[in-house]
Amino acid sequence: MEIDFNKLANYKSLAYGASTIAQLGKVKEEYQELLNEVEIKNDDFRYIKDRDNFISEALDLLTATVNLLLLGKVSDTDFNKHIEKLNAYR
């Protein structure tokens, strides 16, 4: 499976004019909407209620997070440090 996540950078305009803190609020909102698609009982995730809605909300969360990073002026150095950290987990 190949997904070009670089396309999400084209939607920074969705956060145009937002402050980093305002965009963080958007990330929180999208995370809550994602959780609304999961049945939770006793603080445990039980099952996904509707796969299509879950995927849609997860992609909304991803887009909001990418916008947050772009507003925070994430750099190649930042990203490469993250990749190095992920590689260390292997």
N, C-alpha and C. Protein backbone atom coordinates (compact mmCIF):
# COMPACT_ATOMS: atom_id res chain seq x y z
N MET A 1 0.85 -1.17 0.00
CA MET A 1 0.00 0.00 0.00
C MET A 1 0.90 1.23 0.00
N GLU A 2 0.65 2.10 -0.94
CA GLU A 2 1.38 3.36 -1.00
C GLU A 2 0.40 4.52 -0.93
N ILE A 3 0.57 5.32 0.10
CA ILE A 3 -0.24 6.52 0.27
C ILE A 3 0.70 7.69 0.31
N ASP A 4 0.42 8.70 -0.48
CA ASP A 4 1.28 9.89 -0.53
C ASP A 4 0.78 10.91 0.49
N PHE A 5 1.33 10.83 1.69
CA PHE A 5 0.92 11.75 2.75
C PHE A 5 1.39 13.17 2.49
N ASN A 6 2.28 13.34 1.53
CA ASN A 6 2.71 14.70 1.16
C ASN A 6 1.53 15.53 0.65
N LYS A 7 0.52 14.88 0.13
CA LYS A 7 -0.66 15.60 -0.36
C LYS A 7 -1.33 16.41 0.74
N LEU A 8 -1.18 15.96 1.99
CA LEU A 8 -1.82 16.68 3.10
C LEU A 8 -1.24 18.08 3.26
N ALA A 9 0.00 18.28 2.84
CA ALA A 9 0.62 19.61 2.94
C ALA A 9 -0.13 20.62 2.08
N ASN A 10 -0.87 20.15 1.09
CA ASN A 10 -1.65 21.03 0.23
C ASN A 10 -2.87 21.62 0.94
N TYR A 11 -3.17 21.14 2.13
CA TYR A 11 -4.37 21.57 2.84
C TYR A 11 -4.04 22.41 4.07
N LYS A 12 -2.84 22.97 4.10
CA LYS A 12 -2.48 23.87 5.18
C LYS A 12 -3.45 25.04 5.22
N SER A 13 -4.00 25.39 4.07
CA SER A 13 -4.93 26.51 4.01
C SER A 13 -6.15 26.29 4.91
N LEU A 14 -6.45 25.03 5.24
CA LEU A 14 -7.57 24.77 6.15
C LEU A 14 -7.29 25.37 7.52
N ALA A 15 -6.00 25.53 7.84
CA ALA A 15 -5.62 26.10 9.13
C ALA A 15 -5.13 27.54 8.97
N TYR A 16 -5.29 28.09 7.76
CA TYR A 16 -4.77 29.43 7.49
C TYR A 16 -5.32 30.43 8.50
N GLY A 17 -4.42 31.18 9.07
CA GLY A 17 -4.82 32.20 10.03
C GLY A 17 -4.94 31.67 11.45
N ALA A 18 -4.91 30.36 11.61
CA ALA A 18 -5.01 29.79 12.95
C ALA A 18 -3.66 29.88 13.65
N SER A 19 -3.72 30.10 14.94
CA SER A 19 -2.50 30.05 15.73
C SER A 19 -2.17 28.58 16.00
N THR A 20 -0.97 28.34 16.44
CA THR A 20 -0.58 26.97 16.79
C THR A 20 -1.49 26.43 17.88
N ILE A 21 -1.82 27.26 18.86
CA ILE A 21 -2.67 26.83 19.96
C ILE A 21 -4.09 26.53 19.46
N ALA A 22 -4.61 27.36 18.56
CA ALA A 22 -5.94 27.11 17.99
C ALA A 22 -5.94 25.80 17.20
N GLN A 23 -4.86 25.55 16.47
CA GLN A 23 -4.79 24.31 15.69
C GLN A 23 -4.66 23.11 16.62
N LEU A 24 -3.98 23.26 17.74
CA LEU A 24 -3.92 22.18 18.72
C LEU A 24 -5.32 21.85 19.22
N GLY A 25 -6.15 22.87 19.39
CA GLY A 25 -7.54 22.64 19.76
C GLY A 25 -8.27 21.84 18.70
N LYS A 26 -7.95 22.09 17.42
CA LYS A 26 -8.55 21.33 16.32
C LYS A 26 -8.11 19.87 16.38
N VAL A 27 -6.84 19.64 16.69
CA VAL A 27 -6.34 18.28 16.82
C VAL A 27 -7.10 17.55 17.93
N LYS A 28 -7.28 18.23 19.05
CA LYS A 28 -8.02 17.65 20.18
C LYS A 28 -9.45 17.31 19.77
N GLU A 29 -10.09 18.23 19.04
CA GLU A 29 -11.47 18.01 18.57
C GLU A 29 -11.53 16.79 17.67
N GLU A 30 -10.60 16.68 16.73
CA GLU A 30 -10.60 15.55 15.80
C GLU A 30 -10.31 14.24 16.52
N TYR A 31 -9.45 14.28 17.53
CA TYR A 31 -9.16 13.08 18.32
C TYR A 31 -10.43 12.61 19.04
N GLN A 32 -11.17 13.55 19.60
CA GLN A 32 -12.42 13.20 20.29
C GLN A 32 -13.42 12.60 19.31
N GLU A 33 -13.49 13.16 18.10
CA GLU A 33 -14.41 12.62 17.10
C GLU A 33 -14.00 11.20 16.69
N LEU A 34 -12.69 10.94 16.66
CA LEU A 34 -12.21 9.59 16.37
C LEU A 34 -12.63 8.63 17.48
N LEU A 35 -12.45 9.06 18.73
CA LEU A 35 -12.84 8.21 19.85
C LEU A 35 -14.34 7.93 19.87
N ASN A 36 -15.13 8.87 19.36
CA ASN A 36 -16.58 8.66 19.29
C ASN A 36 -16.95 7.50 18.37
N GLU A 37 -16.04 7.09 17.53
CA GLU A 37 -16.29 5.97 16.61
C GLU A 37 -15.87 4.63 17.19
N VAL A 38 -15.45 4.64 18.46
CA VAL A 38 -15.00 3.41 19.12
C VAL A 38 -15.86 3.15 20.34
N GLU A 39 -16.27 1.92 20.50
CA GLU A 39 -17.00 1.52 21.71
C GLU A 39 -15.97 1.34 22.82
N ILE A 40 -16.17 2.08 23.90
CA ILE A 40 -15.25 2.03 25.03
C ILE A 40 -16.03 1.58 26.26
N LYS A 41 -15.49 0.61 26.96
CA LYS A 41 -16.13 0.12 28.18
C LYS A 41 -15.04 -0.07 29.23
N ASN A 42 -15.25 0.53 30.38
CA ASN A 42 -14.27 0.46 31.47
C ASN A 42 -12.88 0.90 31.03
N ASP A 43 -12.84 1.98 30.27
CA ASP A 43 -11.59 2.56 29.76
C ASP A 43 -10.83 1.65 28.81
N ASP A 44 -11.47 0.63 28.27
CA ASP A 44 -10.85 -0.25 27.28
C ASP A 44 -11.55 -0.07 25.95
N PHE A 45 -10.77 -0.05 24.88
CA PHE A 45 -11.36 -0.01 23.54
C PHE A 45 -11.92 -1.40 23.24
N ARG A 46 -13.19 -1.44 22.86
CA ARG A 46 -13.85 -2.72 22.59
C ARG A 46 -13.90 -3.04 21.10
N TYR A 47 -14.45 -2.10 20.31
CA TYR A 47 -14.53 -2.34 18.87
C TYR A 47 -14.83 -1.02 18.17
N ILE A 48 -14.53 -1.01 16.88
CA ILE A 48 -14.82 0.14 16.04
C ILE A 48 -16.27 0.03 15.59
N LYS A 49 -17.04 1.08 15.81
CA LYS A 49 -18.48 1.07 15.51
C LYS A 49 -18.74 1.02 14.01
N ASP A 50 -18.07 1.87 13.26
CA ASP A 50 -18.28 1.96 11.81
C ASP A 50 -16.93 2.22 11.16
N ARG A 51 -16.42 1.26 10.41
CA ARG A 51 -15.09 1.36 9.83
C ARG A 51 -14.92 2.60 8.97
N ASP A 52 -15.87 2.89 8.10
CA ASP A 52 -15.75 4.04 7.21
C ASP A 52 -15.68 5.35 7.98
N ASN A 53 -16.53 5.50 8.99
CA ASN A 53 -16.49 6.71 9.82
C ASN A 53 -15.18 6.79 10.60
N PHE A 54 -14.71 5.64 11.09
CA PHE A 54 -13.46 5.60 11.84
C PHE A 54 -12.30 6.05 10.96
N ILE A 55 -12.22 5.52 9.75
CA ILE A 55 -11.15 5.90 8.82
C ILE A 55 -11.25 7.39 8.49
N SER A 56 -12.45 7.87 8.24
CA SER A 56 -12.66 9.28 7.93
C SER A 56 -12.17 10.17 9.07
N GLU A 57 -12.54 9.82 10.29
CA GLU A 57 -12.12 10.62 11.44
C GLU A 57 -10.62 10.51 11.69
N ALA A 58 -10.05 9.34 11.46
CA ALA A 58 -8.60 9.17 11.62
C ALA A 58 -7.85 10.03 10.61
N LEU A 59 -8.36 10.10 9.39
CA LEU A 59 -7.73 10.95 8.37
C LEU A 59 -7.90 12.43 8.71
N ASP A 60 -9.05 12.80 9.27
CA ASP A 60 -9.23 14.19 9.73
C ASP A 60 -8.22 14.53 10.81
N LEU A 61 -7.99 13.58 11.73
CA LEU A 61 -7.01 13.79 12.79
C LEU A 61 -5.60 13.92 12.20
N LEU A 62 -5.29 13.08 11.24
CA LEU A 62 -3.98 13.15 10.59
C LEU A 62 -3.79 14.50 9.90
N THR A 63 -4.81 14.96 9.19
CA THR A 63 -4.73 16.25 8.49
C THR A 63 -4.55 17.39 9.49
N ALA A 64 -5.32 17.38 10.57
CA ALA A 64 -5.19 18.43 11.58
C ALA A 64 -3.80 18.42 12.20
N THR A 65 -3.25 17.23 12.41
CA THR A 65 -1.92 17.10 13.00
C THR A 65 -0.84 17.59 12.05
N VAL A 66 -0.96 17.25 10.77
CA VAL A 66 -0.01 17.74 9.77
C VAL A 66 -0.07 19.27 9.72
N ASN A 67 -1.27 19.83 9.75
CA ASN A 67 -1.41 21.29 9.75
C ASN A 67 -0.76 21.90 10.99
N LEU A 68 -0.91 21.26 12.13
CA LEU A 68 -0.28 21.73 13.36
C LEU A 68 1.25 21.75 13.20
N LEU A 69 1.78 20.69 12.65
CA LEU A 69 3.23 20.63 12.44
C LEU A 69 3.70 21.69 11.46
N LEU A 70 2.93 21.91 10.40
CA LEU A 70 3.29 22.94 9.42
C LEU A 70 3.23 24.34 10.04
N LEU A 71 2.21 24.59 10.84
CA LEU A 71 2.11 25.88 11.52
C LEU A 71 3.26 26.07 12.51
N GLY A 72 3.72 24.96 13.10
CA GLY A 72 4.84 25.02 14.02
C GLY A 72 6.19 25.01 13.32
N LYS A 73 6.14 25.07 11.99
CA LYS A 73 7.34 25.14 11.16
C LYS A 73 8.27 23.95 11.39
N VAL A 74 7.67 22.74 11.33
CA VAL A 74 8.47 21.52 11.44
C VAL A 74 9.53 21.53 10.33
N SER A 75 10.72 21.07 10.66
CA SER A 75 11.83 21.09 9.70
C SER A 75 12.22 19.66 9.31
N ASP A 76 13.03 19.57 8.28
CA ASP A 76 13.57 18.27 7.88
C ASP A 76 14.37 17.66 9.03
N THR A 77 15.09 18.50 9.75
CA THR A 77 15.87 18.02 10.89
C THR A 77 14.95 17.41 11.94
N ASP A 78 13.85 18.10 12.25
CA ASP A 78 12.87 17.57 13.21
C ASP A 78 12.35 16.21 12.76
N PHE A 79 11.99 16.14 11.48
CA PHE A 79 11.42 14.90 10.94
C PHE A 79 12.45 13.78 10.96
N ASN A 80 13.69 14.08 10.57
CA ASN A 80 14.73 13.06 10.56
C ASN A 80 15.05 12.55 11.96
N LYS A 81 15.00 13.43 12.96
CA LYS A 81 15.17 13.00 14.35
C LYS A 81 14.07 12.02 14.74
N HIS A 82 12.87 12.31 14.29
CA HIS A 82 11.74 11.43 14.59
C HIS A 82 11.93 10.06 13.93
N ILE A 83 12.37 10.06 12.69
CA ILE A 83 12.63 8.79 11.98
C ILE A 83 13.71 8.00 12.70
N GLU A 84 14.75 8.68 13.14
CA GLU A 84 15.82 8.00 13.89
C GLU A 84 15.26 7.37 15.16
N LYS A 85 14.38 8.09 15.85
CA LYS A 85 13.75 7.56 17.06
C LYS A 85 12.93 6.32 16.73
N LEU A 86 12.17 6.38 15.65
CA LEU A 86 11.37 5.22 15.25
C LEU A 86 12.25 4.04 14.90
N ASN A 87 13.35 4.30 14.20
CA ASN A 87 14.27 3.23 13.85
C ASN A 87 14.87 2.57 15.08
N ALA A 88 15.06 3.35 16.14
CA ALA A 88 15.61 2.81 17.38
C ALA A 88 14.64 1.82 18.04
N TYR A 89 13.36 1.95 17.75
CA TYR A 89 12.35 1.06 18.33
C TYR A 89 12.30 -0.30 17.64
N ARG A 90 12.92 -0.42 16.51
CA ARG A 90 12.85 -1.69 15.74
C ARG A 90 13.53 -2.81 16.46
